[in-house]
Amino acid sequence: MRHGKVGRKLGRTRSHRRTTLSALSVSLIQHKKIRTTEAKAKETRRVVEKLITRAKRAVEREGDGKVKDVHARREVFSFLRDRQAVTTLFNDVAPKVATRAGGYTRVVKLGQRYGDGAHIALIELVDYNAANIEKASAKAAAKVKKKAADKEKAKKEQEAQTEQAAAQS
């Protein structure tokens, strides 16, 4: 029976599994989304959610930014082993998810990998996906606006050329 045995082994020893999940967590924090196998994505979600909650609570305690919760940073760093990822987590990710009560990540199933048939999934930070959508829509709106301005300019040039041709005749 498997009573009380939580988590997937991922076909690795304990140390290898811990290192793999650490590397996946660092990648997710830095890139905001990664593509991996479904099992690894689900395990990474468990780990990252706890790390984000830890960082979020530390940021809430800091309040005005004068007091640094060094203990929380050290605990997170002991797992991640990447200073840049820890800085990103505490300075960017945690304040952004401060109002969210959990569910900081999303796992989207993508189908099977061609080579070995493994189930592939995309894991992403939820709040950053919305930001990317806003950026993309703002970019698209700017593109449409520029295109309209170019059309207007071309139309004015065409009218100027017709007036010039009419004046010459």
N, C-alpha and C. Protein backbone atom coordinates (compact mmCIF):
# COMPACT_ATOMS: atom_id res chain seq x y z
N MET A 1 0.84 -1.19 0.00
CA MET A 1 0.00 0.00 0.00
C MET A 1 0.88 1.25 0.00
N ARG A 2 0.32 2.33 -0.58
CA ARG A 2 1.08 3.57 -0.72
C ARG A 2 0.59 4.64 0.25
N HIS A 3 0.06 4.28 1.39
CA HIS A 3 -0.49 5.28 2.30
C HIS A 3 0.60 6.24 2.76
N GLY A 4 0.30 7.55 2.65
CA GLY A 4 1.22 8.57 3.17
C GLY A 4 2.47 8.79 2.34
N LYS A 5 2.52 8.24 1.14
CA LYS A 5 3.70 8.44 0.29
C LYS A 5 3.34 9.43 -0.81
N VAL A 6 3.74 10.66 -0.58
CA VAL A 6 3.36 11.74 -1.48
C VAL A 6 4.51 12.03 -2.44
N GLY A 7 4.18 12.36 -3.68
CA GLY A 7 5.19 12.78 -4.64
C GLY A 7 5.60 11.68 -5.60
N ARG A 8 6.17 12.11 -6.70
CA ARG A 8 6.61 11.18 -7.74
C ARG A 8 8.11 10.97 -7.61
N LYS A 9 8.57 9.78 -7.94
CA LYS A 9 10.01 9.49 -7.84
C LYS A 9 10.77 9.92 -9.09
N LEU A 10 10.09 10.03 -10.20
CA LEU A 10 10.68 10.48 -11.46
C LEU A 10 11.85 9.61 -11.93
N GLY A 11 11.93 8.38 -11.44
CA GLY A 11 12.98 7.46 -11.87
C GLY A 11 14.37 7.91 -11.46
N ARG A 12 14.48 8.59 -10.32
CA ARG A 12 15.75 9.15 -9.87
C ARG A 12 15.97 8.85 -8.39
N THR A 13 17.21 8.97 -7.97
CA THR A 13 17.51 8.87 -6.55
C THR A 13 17.06 10.17 -5.88
N ARG A 14 17.06 10.19 -4.57
CA ARG A 14 16.60 11.35 -3.83
C ARG A 14 17.41 12.60 -4.18
N SER A 15 18.71 12.48 -4.21
CA SER A 15 19.56 13.64 -4.48
C SER A 15 19.39 14.12 -5.93
N HIS A 16 19.29 13.18 -6.86
CA HIS A 16 19.11 13.55 -8.26
C HIS A 16 17.75 14.21 -8.47
N ARG A 17 16.73 13.68 -7.80
CA ARG A 17 15.37 14.24 -7.90
C ARG A 17 15.35 15.65 -7.35
N ARG A 18 16.01 15.86 -6.22
CA ARG A 18 16.07 17.19 -5.59
C ARG A 18 16.78 18.19 -6.51
N THR A 19 17.88 17.76 -7.10
CA THR A 19 18.63 18.63 -8.01
C THR A 19 17.82 18.95 -9.26
N THR A 20 17.13 17.95 -9.79
CA THR A 20 16.29 18.16 -10.98
C THR A 20 15.19 19.17 -10.69
N LEU A 21 14.51 19.00 -9.57
CA LEU A 21 13.42 19.91 -9.22
C LEU A 21 13.96 21.32 -8.93
N SER A 22 15.15 21.40 -8.37
CA SER A 22 15.77 22.70 -8.13
C SER A 22 16.06 23.41 -9.45
N ALA A 23 16.63 22.68 -10.39
CA ALA A 23 16.96 23.26 -11.70
C ALA A 23 15.69 23.69 -12.45
N LEU A 24 14.66 22.86 -12.40
CA LEU A 24 13.39 23.22 -13.04
C LEU A 24 12.78 24.45 -12.39
N SER A 25 12.88 24.54 -11.06
CA SER A 25 12.33 25.68 -10.34
C SER A 25 13.06 26.97 -10.71
N VAL A 26 14.38 26.90 -10.79
CA VAL A 26 15.18 28.07 -11.18
C VAL A 26 14.79 28.52 -12.58
N SER A 27 14.66 27.58 -13.50
CA SER A 27 14.27 27.91 -14.87
C SER A 27 12.89 28.55 -14.92
N LEU A 28 11.96 28.01 -14.15
CA LEU A 28 10.61 28.55 -14.14
C LEU A 28 10.60 29.97 -13.58
N ILE A 29 11.35 30.21 -12.52
CA ILE A 29 11.38 31.55 -11.92
C ILE A 29 12.04 32.55 -12.87
N GLN A 30 13.08 32.12 -13.56
CA GLN A 30 13.78 33.04 -14.46
C GLN A 30 13.02 33.29 -15.75
N HIS A 31 12.46 32.24 -16.36
CA HIS A 31 11.84 32.37 -17.68
C HIS A 31 10.33 32.51 -17.63
N LYS A 32 9.72 32.33 -16.47
CA LYS A 32 8.28 32.45 -16.24
C LYS A 32 7.46 31.32 -16.85
N LYS A 33 8.03 30.55 -17.76
CA LYS A 33 7.36 29.34 -18.23
C LYS A 33 8.38 28.41 -18.86
N ILE A 34 8.15 27.10 -18.68
CA ILE A 34 9.05 26.10 -19.24
C ILE A 34 8.24 24.93 -19.77
N ARG A 35 8.85 24.18 -20.65
CA ARG A 35 8.22 23.01 -21.26
C ARG A 35 8.97 21.78 -20.79
N THR A 36 8.26 20.83 -20.19
CA THR A 36 8.88 19.62 -19.67
C THR A 36 7.86 18.50 -19.67
N THR A 37 8.23 17.34 -19.11
CA THR A 37 7.27 16.25 -19.05
C THR A 37 6.18 16.57 -18.03
N GLU A 38 5.06 15.94 -18.19
CA GLU A 38 3.91 16.20 -17.34
C GLU A 38 4.23 15.91 -15.87
N ALA A 39 4.88 14.78 -15.59
CA ALA A 39 5.19 14.40 -14.22
C ALA A 39 6.14 15.40 -13.57
N LYS A 40 7.17 15.82 -14.32
CA LYS A 40 8.12 16.80 -13.78
C LYS A 40 7.43 18.14 -13.55
N ALA A 41 6.52 18.51 -14.45
CA ALA A 41 5.80 19.78 -14.31
C ALA A 41 4.94 19.77 -13.05
N LYS A 42 4.27 18.66 -12.80
CA LYS A 42 3.41 18.57 -11.62
C LYS A 42 4.21 18.58 -10.33
N GLU A 43 5.36 17.93 -10.34
CA GLU A 43 6.23 17.95 -9.15
C GLU A 43 6.85 19.33 -8.96
N THR A 44 7.24 19.96 -10.05
CA THR A 44 7.82 21.30 -9.98
C THR A 44 6.79 22.28 -9.42
N ARG A 45 5.54 22.09 -9.81
CA ARG A 45 4.48 22.96 -9.31
C ARG A 45 4.40 22.89 -7.79
N ARG A 46 4.47 21.68 -7.23
CA ARG A 46 4.42 21.51 -5.78
C ARG A 46 5.54 22.28 -5.10
N VAL A 47 6.73 22.20 -5.67
CA VAL A 47 7.90 22.84 -5.07
C VAL A 47 7.83 24.35 -5.20
N VAL A 48 7.54 24.83 -6.41
CA VAL A 48 7.55 26.27 -6.69
C VAL A 48 6.47 27.00 -5.91
N GLU A 49 5.31 26.38 -5.77
CA GLU A 49 4.22 27.02 -5.02
C GLU A 49 4.67 27.28 -3.58
N LYS A 50 5.36 26.33 -2.98
CA LYS A 50 5.84 26.50 -1.60
C LYS A 50 6.90 27.60 -1.54
N LEU A 51 7.79 27.64 -2.54
CA LEU A 51 8.83 28.67 -2.55
C LEU A 51 8.22 30.06 -2.70
N ILE A 52 7.24 30.19 -3.58
CA ILE A 52 6.60 31.49 -3.80
C ILE A 52 5.85 31.93 -2.54
N THR A 53 5.17 30.99 -1.90
CA THR A 53 4.46 31.32 -0.66
C THR A 53 5.44 31.79 0.39
N ARG A 54 6.57 31.12 0.50
CA ARG A 54 7.60 31.50 1.47
C ARG A 54 8.10 32.93 1.19
N ALA A 55 8.36 33.21 -0.07
CA ALA A 55 8.83 34.54 -0.47
C ALA A 55 7.75 35.60 -0.25
N LYS A 56 6.52 35.24 -0.56
CA LYS A 56 5.40 36.18 -0.41
C LYS A 56 5.22 36.57 1.06
N ARG A 57 5.28 35.59 1.95
CA ARG A 57 5.14 35.88 3.38
C ARG A 57 6.30 36.72 3.89
N ALA A 58 7.49 36.48 3.38
CA ALA A 58 8.65 37.27 3.78
C ALA A 58 8.51 38.71 3.31
N VAL A 59 8.01 38.91 2.10
CA VAL A 59 7.83 40.26 1.56
C VAL A 59 6.75 40.99 2.34
N GLU A 60 5.68 40.27 2.73
CA GLU A 60 4.62 40.89 3.53
C GLU A 60 5.15 41.35 4.88
N ARG A 61 6.04 40.55 5.47
CA ARG A 61 6.61 40.92 6.77
C ARG A 61 7.54 42.11 6.65
N GLU A 62 8.23 42.22 5.50
CA GLU A 62 9.16 43.33 5.32
C GLU A 62 8.41 44.65 5.33
N GLY A 63 7.21 44.66 4.76
CA GLY A 63 6.38 45.86 4.80
C GLY A 63 6.98 47.00 4.01
N ASP A 64 7.59 47.96 4.72
CA ASP A 64 8.11 49.16 4.07
C ASP A 64 9.47 48.93 3.41
N GLY A 65 10.00 47.72 3.48
CA GLY A 65 11.25 47.41 2.80
C GLY A 65 12.48 47.64 3.65
N LYS A 66 12.31 48.11 4.88
CA LYS A 66 13.47 48.37 5.74
C LYS A 66 14.03 47.09 6.33
N VAL A 67 13.15 46.19 6.75
CA VAL A 67 13.59 44.94 7.38
C VAL A 67 13.66 43.86 6.31
N LYS A 68 14.79 43.18 6.21
CA LYS A 68 14.95 42.10 5.25
C LYS A 68 14.76 40.78 5.97
N ASP A 69 13.94 39.91 5.43
CA ASP A 69 13.77 38.59 6.02
C ASP A 69 14.85 37.68 5.46
N VAL A 70 16.03 37.79 6.05
CA VAL A 70 17.20 37.06 5.57
C VAL A 70 17.00 35.56 5.72
N HIS A 71 16.31 35.15 6.79
CA HIS A 71 16.11 33.73 7.03
C HIS A 71 15.34 33.07 5.89
N ALA A 72 14.29 33.74 5.42
CA ALA A 72 13.50 33.20 4.31
C ALA A 72 14.34 33.11 3.04
N ARG A 73 15.13 34.13 2.80
CA ARG A 73 16.00 34.12 1.62
C ARG A 73 16.99 32.97 1.69
N ARG A 74 17.55 32.75 2.86
CA ARG A 74 18.53 31.67 3.02
C ARG A 74 17.88 30.31 2.83
N GLU A 75 16.67 30.15 3.35
CA GLU A 75 15.97 28.87 3.18
C GLU A 75 15.66 28.60 1.71
N VAL A 76 15.21 29.62 1.01
CA VAL A 76 14.91 29.46 -0.42
C VAL A 76 16.21 29.21 -1.19
N PHE A 77 17.27 29.94 -0.83
CA PHE A 77 18.55 29.76 -1.52
C PHE A 77 19.12 28.37 -1.29
N SER A 78 18.88 27.79 -0.11
CA SER A 78 19.41 26.46 0.17
C SER A 78 18.82 25.43 -0.78
N PHE A 79 17.62 25.70 -1.31
CA PHE A 79 17.04 24.78 -2.28
C PHE A 79 17.41 25.17 -3.71
N LEU A 80 17.28 26.45 -4.05
CA LEU A 80 17.49 26.88 -5.44
C LEU A 80 18.95 26.93 -5.85
N ARG A 81 19.83 27.39 -4.97
CA ARG A 81 21.27 27.51 -5.27
C ARG A 81 21.55 28.43 -6.45
N ASP A 82 20.77 29.49 -6.58
CA ASP A 82 20.97 30.45 -7.67
C ASP A 82 20.57 31.84 -7.16
N ARG A 83 21.56 32.71 -7.00
CA ARG A 83 21.28 34.04 -6.43
C ARG A 83 20.33 34.85 -7.28
N GLN A 84 20.51 34.79 -8.57
CA GLN A 84 19.67 35.58 -9.46
C GLN A 84 18.21 35.14 -9.37
N ALA A 85 17.99 33.83 -9.28
CA ALA A 85 16.62 33.31 -9.16
C ALA A 85 15.99 33.74 -7.85
N VAL A 86 16.77 33.72 -6.77
CA VAL A 86 16.25 34.13 -5.46
C VAL A 86 15.89 35.61 -5.49
N THR A 87 16.75 36.43 -6.09
CA THR A 87 16.49 37.86 -6.20
C THR A 87 15.23 38.11 -7.01
N THR A 88 15.09 37.42 -8.14
CA THR A 88 13.89 37.56 -8.98
C THR A 88 12.65 37.15 -8.20
N LEU A 89 12.76 36.05 -7.48
CA LEU A 89 11.62 35.54 -6.71
C LEU A 89 11.17 36.55 -5.67
N PHE A 90 12.10 37.10 -4.91
CA PHE A 90 11.73 38.01 -3.82
C PHE A 90 11.40 39.42 -4.30
N ASN A 91 12.06 39.90 -5.36
CA ASN A 91 11.85 41.28 -5.80
C ASN A 91 10.75 41.43 -6.84
N ASP A 92 10.56 40.42 -7.69
CA ASP A 92 9.58 40.55 -8.78
C ASP A 92 8.34 39.69 -8.58
N VAL A 93 8.57 38.40 -8.37
CA VAL A 93 7.45 37.45 -8.35
C VAL A 93 6.60 37.61 -7.09
N ALA A 94 7.21 37.62 -5.92
CA ALA A 94 6.46 37.66 -4.66
C ALA A 94 5.56 38.90 -4.54
N PRO A 95 6.06 40.11 -4.83
CA PRO A 95 5.16 41.26 -4.74
C PRO A 95 4.01 41.20 -5.75
N LYS A 96 4.26 40.60 -6.89
CA LYS A 96 3.22 40.53 -7.92
C LYS A 96 2.09 39.58 -7.52
N VAL A 97 2.41 38.53 -6.76
CA VAL A 97 1.39 37.56 -6.37
C VAL A 97 0.92 37.79 -4.93
N ALA A 98 1.23 38.94 -4.36
CA ALA A 98 0.92 39.20 -2.95
C ALA A 98 -0.57 39.08 -2.64
N THR A 99 -1.42 39.44 -3.58
CA THR A 99 -2.86 39.40 -3.33
C THR A 99 -3.46 38.03 -3.64
N ARG A 100 -2.75 37.19 -4.34
CA ARG A 100 -3.25 35.87 -4.73
C ARG A 100 -3.13 34.90 -3.55
N ALA A 101 -4.15 34.09 -3.36
CA ALA A 101 -4.19 33.18 -2.21
C ALA A 101 -3.69 31.78 -2.56
N GLY A 102 -2.84 31.66 -3.53
CA GLY A 102 -2.32 30.35 -3.95
C GLY A 102 -2.57 30.16 -5.43
N GLY A 103 -2.14 29.03 -5.95
CA GLY A 103 -2.34 28.76 -7.37
C GLY A 103 -1.53 29.69 -8.24
N TYR A 104 -0.24 29.78 -7.94
CA TYR A 104 0.63 30.71 -8.66
C TYR A 104 1.09 30.16 -10.00
N THR A 105 0.92 28.86 -10.21
CA THR A 105 1.39 28.24 -11.45
C THR A 105 0.24 27.56 -12.17
N ARG A 106 0.46 27.31 -13.44
CA ARG A 106 -0.52 26.62 -14.28
C ARG A 106 0.22 25.57 -15.09
N VAL A 107 -0.34 24.36 -15.15
CA VAL A 107 0.23 23.29 -15.97
C VAL A 107 -0.73 23.04 -17.13
N VAL A 108 -0.23 23.19 -18.35
CA VAL A 108 -1.03 22.99 -19.55
C VAL A 108 -0.47 21.78 -20.29
N LYS A 109 -1.29 20.79 -20.52
CA LYS A 109 -0.85 19.58 -21.22
C LYS A 109 -0.76 19.87 -22.71
N LEU A 110 0.36 19.47 -23.32
CA LEU A 110 0.62 19.78 -24.73
C LEU A 110 0.54 18.58 -25.66
N GLY A 111 0.42 17.38 -25.12
CA GLY A 111 0.38 16.19 -25.98
C GLY A 111 1.60 15.32 -25.74
N GLN A 112 1.91 14.50 -26.74
CA GLN A 112 3.02 13.57 -26.59
C GLN A 112 4.22 13.98 -27.43
N ARG A 113 5.40 13.68 -26.90
CA ARG A 113 6.64 13.98 -27.60
C ARG A 113 6.81 12.97 -28.72
N TYR A 114 7.31 13.43 -29.85
CA TYR A 114 7.43 12.58 -31.02
C TYR A 114 8.41 11.44 -30.81
N GLY A 115 9.55 11.72 -30.21
CA GLY A 115 10.62 10.72 -30.09
C GLY A 115 10.26 9.53 -29.23
N ASP A 116 9.78 9.76 -28.02
CA ASP A 116 9.55 8.65 -27.10
C ASP A 116 8.12 8.56 -26.59
N GLY A 117 7.26 9.45 -27.03
CA GLY A 117 5.85 9.38 -26.63
C GLY A 117 5.58 9.90 -25.23
N ALA A 118 6.56 10.59 -24.62
CA ALA A 118 6.35 11.12 -23.28
C ALA A 118 5.31 12.24 -23.31
N HIS A 119 4.50 12.32 -22.26
CA HIS A 119 3.49 13.37 -22.17
C HIS A 119 4.18 14.68 -21.79
N ILE A 120 4.01 15.70 -22.63
CA ILE A 120 4.67 16.99 -22.45
C ILE A 120 3.67 18.00 -21.91
N ALA A 121 4.16 18.89 -21.04
CA ALA A 121 3.31 19.93 -20.47
C ALA A 121 4.09 21.24 -20.38
N LEU A 122 3.34 22.31 -20.33
CA LEU A 122 3.91 23.65 -20.16
C LEU A 122 3.54 24.10 -18.76
N ILE A 123 4.52 24.49 -17.98
CA ILE A 123 4.23 25.05 -16.66
C ILE A 123 4.63 26.51 -16.69
N GLU A 124 3.73 27.37 -16.20
CA GLU A 124 3.98 28.81 -16.27
C GLU A 124 3.47 29.50 -15.01
N LEU A 125 4.04 30.65 -14.73
CA LEU A 125 3.56 31.47 -13.63
C LEU A 125 2.33 32.21 -14.13
N VAL A 126 1.23 32.11 -13.41
CA VAL A 126 -0.06 32.59 -13.88
C VAL A 126 -0.07 34.09 -14.13
N ASP A 127 0.39 34.87 -13.19
CA ASP A 127 0.31 36.33 -13.31
C ASP A 127 1.18 36.87 -14.44
N TYR A 128 2.22 36.17 -14.80
CA TYR A 128 3.09 36.65 -15.86
C TYR A 128 2.50 36.38 -17.23
N ASN A 129 1.67 35.37 -17.35
CA ASN A 129 1.01 35.10 -18.62
C ASN A 129 0.07 36.25 -18.96
N ALA A 130 -0.68 36.76 -17.99
CA ALA A 130 -1.59 37.88 -18.22
C ALA A 130 -0.80 39.12 -18.64
N ALA A 131 0.35 39.34 -18.04
CA ALA A 131 1.19 40.49 -18.40
C ALA A 131 1.66 40.36 -19.84
N ASN A 132 2.03 39.15 -20.25
CA ASN A 132 2.47 38.94 -21.62
C ASN A 132 1.33 39.19 -22.60
N ILE A 133 0.13 38.79 -22.22
CA ILE A 133 -1.03 39.02 -23.08
C ILE A 133 -1.29 40.51 -23.22
N GLU A 134 -1.19 41.26 -22.11
CA GLU A 134 -1.39 42.71 -22.16
C GLU A 134 -0.33 43.37 -23.04
N LYS A 135 0.93 42.92 -22.88
CA LYS A 135 2.00 43.47 -23.70
C LYS A 135 1.75 43.19 -25.18
N ALA A 136 1.34 41.96 -25.47
CA ALA A 136 1.09 41.58 -26.85
C ALA A 136 -0.07 42.39 -27.44
N SER A 137 -1.13 42.58 -26.65
CA SER A 137 -2.26 43.35 -27.17
C SER A 137 -1.89 44.82 -27.34
N ALA A 138 -1.07 45.35 -26.43
CA ALA A 138 -0.61 46.73 -26.56
C ALA A 138 0.28 46.87 -27.80
N LYS A 139 1.12 45.87 -28.03
CA LYS A 139 1.99 45.88 -29.21
C LYS A 139 1.15 45.81 -30.48
N ALA A 140 0.13 44.94 -30.47
CA ALA A 140 -0.75 44.81 -31.63
C ALA A 140 -1.51 46.11 -31.88
N ALA A 141 -1.98 46.75 -30.81
CA ALA A 141 -2.69 48.02 -30.95
C ALA A 141 -1.78 49.09 -31.53
N ALA A 142 -0.53 49.13 -31.07
CA ALA A 142 0.43 50.10 -31.59
C ALA A 142 0.71 49.82 -33.07
N LYS A 143 0.78 48.54 -33.42
CA LYS A 143 1.02 48.16 -34.81
C LYS A 143 -0.14 48.61 -35.70
N VAL A 144 -1.37 48.40 -35.24
CA VAL A 144 -2.55 48.80 -36.00
C VAL A 144 -2.59 50.31 -36.14
N LYS A 145 -2.26 51.02 -35.06
CA LYS A 145 -2.25 52.48 -35.08
C LYS A 145 -1.22 53.00 -36.09
N LYS A 146 -0.03 52.38 -36.09
CA LYS A 146 1.03 52.78 -37.00
C LYS A 146 0.61 52.51 -38.45
N LYS A 147 -0.03 51.36 -38.66
CA LYS A 147 -0.47 51.01 -40.00
C LYS A 147 -1.52 52.02 -40.50
N ALA A 148 -2.43 52.41 -39.62
CA ALA A 148 -3.45 53.40 -39.98
C ALA A 148 -2.80 54.75 -40.30
N ALA A 149 -1.80 55.13 -39.50
CA ALA A 149 -1.09 56.39 -39.75
C ALA A 149 -0.35 56.33 -41.08
N ASP A 150 0.26 55.19 -41.40
CA ASP A 150 0.95 55.03 -42.68
C ASP A 150 -0.02 55.12 -43.85
N LYS A 151 -1.20 54.52 -43.69
CA LYS A 151 -2.22 54.59 -44.76
C LYS A 151 -2.66 56.02 -44.98
N GLU A 152 -2.87 56.74 -43.87
CA GLU A 152 -3.29 58.13 -43.95
C GLU A 152 -2.22 58.97 -44.65
N LYS A 153 -0.97 58.70 -44.31
CA LYS A 153 0.14 59.42 -44.92
C LYS A 153 0.22 59.13 -46.43
N ALA A 154 0.06 57.86 -46.78
CA ALA A 154 0.09 57.47 -48.19
C ALA A 154 -1.06 58.12 -48.95
N LYS A 155 -2.23 58.19 -48.30
CA LYS A 155 -3.41 58.80 -48.93
C LYS A 155 -3.17 60.29 -49.19
N LYS A 156 -2.57 60.97 -48.21
CA LYS A 156 -2.27 62.40 -48.37
C LYS A 156 -1.25 62.62 -49.49
N GLU A 157 -0.23 61.75 -49.55
CA GLU A 157 0.77 61.84 -50.61
C GLU A 157 0.12 61.63 -51.98
N GLN A 158 -0.80 60.68 -52.06
CA GLN A 158 -1.51 60.39 -53.32
C GLN A 158 -2.32 61.61 -53.74
N GLU A 159 -3.01 62.23 -52.77
CA GLU A 159 -3.81 63.43 -53.08
C GLU A 159 -2.91 64.57 -53.55
N ALA A 160 -1.76 64.71 -52.90
CA ALA A 160 -0.82 65.78 -53.27
C ALA A 160 -0.31 65.54 -54.69
N GLN A 161 -0.03 64.29 -55.04
CA GLN A 161 0.43 63.98 -56.39
C GLN A 161 -0.65 64.24 -57.43
N THR A 162 -1.89 63.92 -57.10
CA THR A 162 -2.99 64.18 -58.05
C THR A 162 -3.20 65.67 -58.25
N GLU A 163 -3.10 66.43 -57.14
CA GLU A 163 -3.24 67.88 -57.25
C GLU A 163 -2.11 68.47 -58.10
N GLN A 164 -0.89 67.93 -57.91
CA GLN A 164 0.25 68.40 -58.69
C GLN A 164 0.06 68.09 -60.17
N ALA A 165 -0.41 66.90 -60.45
CA ALA A 165 -0.64 66.50 -61.84
C ALA A 165 -1.73 67.38 -62.47
N ALA A 166 -2.78 67.69 -61.70
CA ALA A 166 -3.88 68.52 -62.20
C ALA A 166 -3.38 69.95 -62.44
N ALA A 167 -2.49 70.44 -61.59
CA ALA A 167 -1.96 71.79 -61.72
C ALA A 167 -1.03 71.88 -62.94
N GLN A 168 -0.35 70.84 -63.28
CA GLN A 168 0.55 70.84 -64.43
C GLN A 168 -0.21 70.76 -65.74
N SER A 169 -1.39 70.18 -65.76
CA SER A 169 -2.14 70.03 -66.99
C SER A 169 -2.82 71.26 -67.43
